Amino acid sequence: MSSLRKIGKIFAFVAIGIVTIIVGAFMIRGTMHLWDKPSEKNPKKDK
């Protein structure tokens, strides 16, 4: 029974890690798009 718990803990750790990486990637993507948008909307201000 203890080996089953160990496997479950390892699986949960890996699953949470993968979800965290995916969510972090989407958050970084979102901030990058937020930074890109003002320069695209107002090209005259930058020049």
C-alpha atoms as a PDB file:
ATOM      1  CA  MET A   1       0.000   0.000   0.000  1.00  0.00           C
ATOM      2  CA  SER A   2       2.844   2.401   0.754  1.00  0.00           C
ATOM      3  CA  SER A   3       4.370   1.887  -2.688  1.00  0.00           C
ATOM      4  CA  LEU A   4       1.018   2.842  -4.245  1.00  0.00           C
ATOM      5  CA  ARG A   5       1.010   6.073  -2.223  1.00  0.00           C
ATOM      6  CA  LYS A   6       4.561   6.852  -3.341  1.00  0.00           C
ATOM      7  CA  ILE A   7       3.565   6.374  -6.986  1.00  0.00           C
ATOM      8  CA  GLY A   8       0.492   8.571  -6.429  1.00  0.00           C
ATOM      9  CA  LYS A   9       2.578  11.345  -4.855  1.00  0.00           C
ATOM     10  CA  ILE A  10       5.106  11.244  -7.698  1.00  0.00           C
ATOM     11  CA  PHE A  11       2.307  11.306 -10.283  1.00  0.00           C
ATOM     12  CA  ALA A  12       0.605  14.263  -8.533  1.00  0.00           C
ATOM     13  CA  PHE A  13       3.939  16.123  -8.350  1.00  0.00           C
ATOM     14  CA  VAL A  14       4.591  15.613 -12.071  1.00  0.00           C
ATOM     15  CA  ALA A  15       1.014  16.545 -13.047  1.00  0.00           C
ATOM     16  CA  ILE A  16       1.075  19.744 -10.953  1.00  0.00           C
ATOM     17  CA  GLY A  17       4.480  20.643 -12.405  1.00  0.00           C
ATOM     18  CA  ILE A  18       3.245  20.251 -15.984  1.00  0.00           C
ATOM     19  CA  VAL A  19       0.119  22.330 -15.272  1.00  0.00           C
ATOM     20  CA  THR A  20       2.261  25.030 -13.628  1.00  0.00           C
ATOM     21  CA  ILE A  21       4.581  25.189 -16.651  1.00  0.00           C
ATOM     22  CA  ILE A  22       1.642  25.459 -19.068  1.00  0.00           C
ATOM     23  CA  VAL A  23      -0.083  28.192 -17.030  1.00  0.00           C
ATOM     24  CA  GLY A  24       3.195  30.093 -16.695  1.00  0.00           C
ATOM     25  CA  ALA A  25       3.788  29.910 -20.436  1.00  0.00           C
ATOM     26  CA  PHE A  26       0.325  31.342 -21.137  1.00  0.00           C
ATOM     27  CA  MET A  27       0.900  34.139 -18.604  1.00  0.00           C
ATOM     28  CA  ILE A  28       4.239  35.062 -20.192  1.00  0.00           C
ATOM     29  CA  ARG A  29       2.591  34.987 -23.634  1.00  0.00           C
ATOM     30  CA  GLY A  30      -0.173  37.284 -22.403  1.00  0.00           C
ATOM     31  CA  THR A  31       2.234  39.858 -20.979  1.00  0.00           C
ATOM     32  CA  MET A  32       4.262  39.797 -24.189  1.00  0.00           C
ATOM     33  CA  HIS A  33       1.105  40.515 -26.209  1.00  0.00           C
ATOM     34  CA  LEU A  34       0.191  43.331 -23.817  1.00  0.00           C
ATOM     35  CA  TRP A  35       3.620  44.888 -24.376  1.00  0.00           C
ATOM     36  CA  ASP A  36       3.326  44.511 -28.161  1.00  0.00           C
ATOM     37  CA  LYS A  37      -0.157  46.042 -28.526  1.00  0.00           C
ATOM     38  CA  PRO A  38       0.565  49.720 -27.674  1.00  0.00           C
ATOM     39  CA  SER A  39       3.343  49.973 -30.276  1.00  0.00           C
ATOM     40  CA  GLU A  40       1.062  48.437 -32.926  1.00  0.00           C
ATOM     41  CA  LYS A  41      -1.861  50.761 -32.118  1.00  0.00           C
ATOM     42  CA  ASN A  42       0.191  53.973 -32.068  1.00  0.00           C
ATOM     43  CA  PRO A  43       3.009  53.704 -34.608  1.00  0.00           C
ATOM     44  CA  LYS A  44       3.244  57.515 -34.911  1.00  0.00           C
ATOM     45  CA  LYS A  45       4.087  57.983 -31.206  1.00  0.00           C
ATOM     46  CA  ASP A  46       7.155  55.748 -31.436  1.00  0.00           C
ATOM     47  CA  LYS A  47       8.585  57.598 -34.465  1.00  0.00           C
END
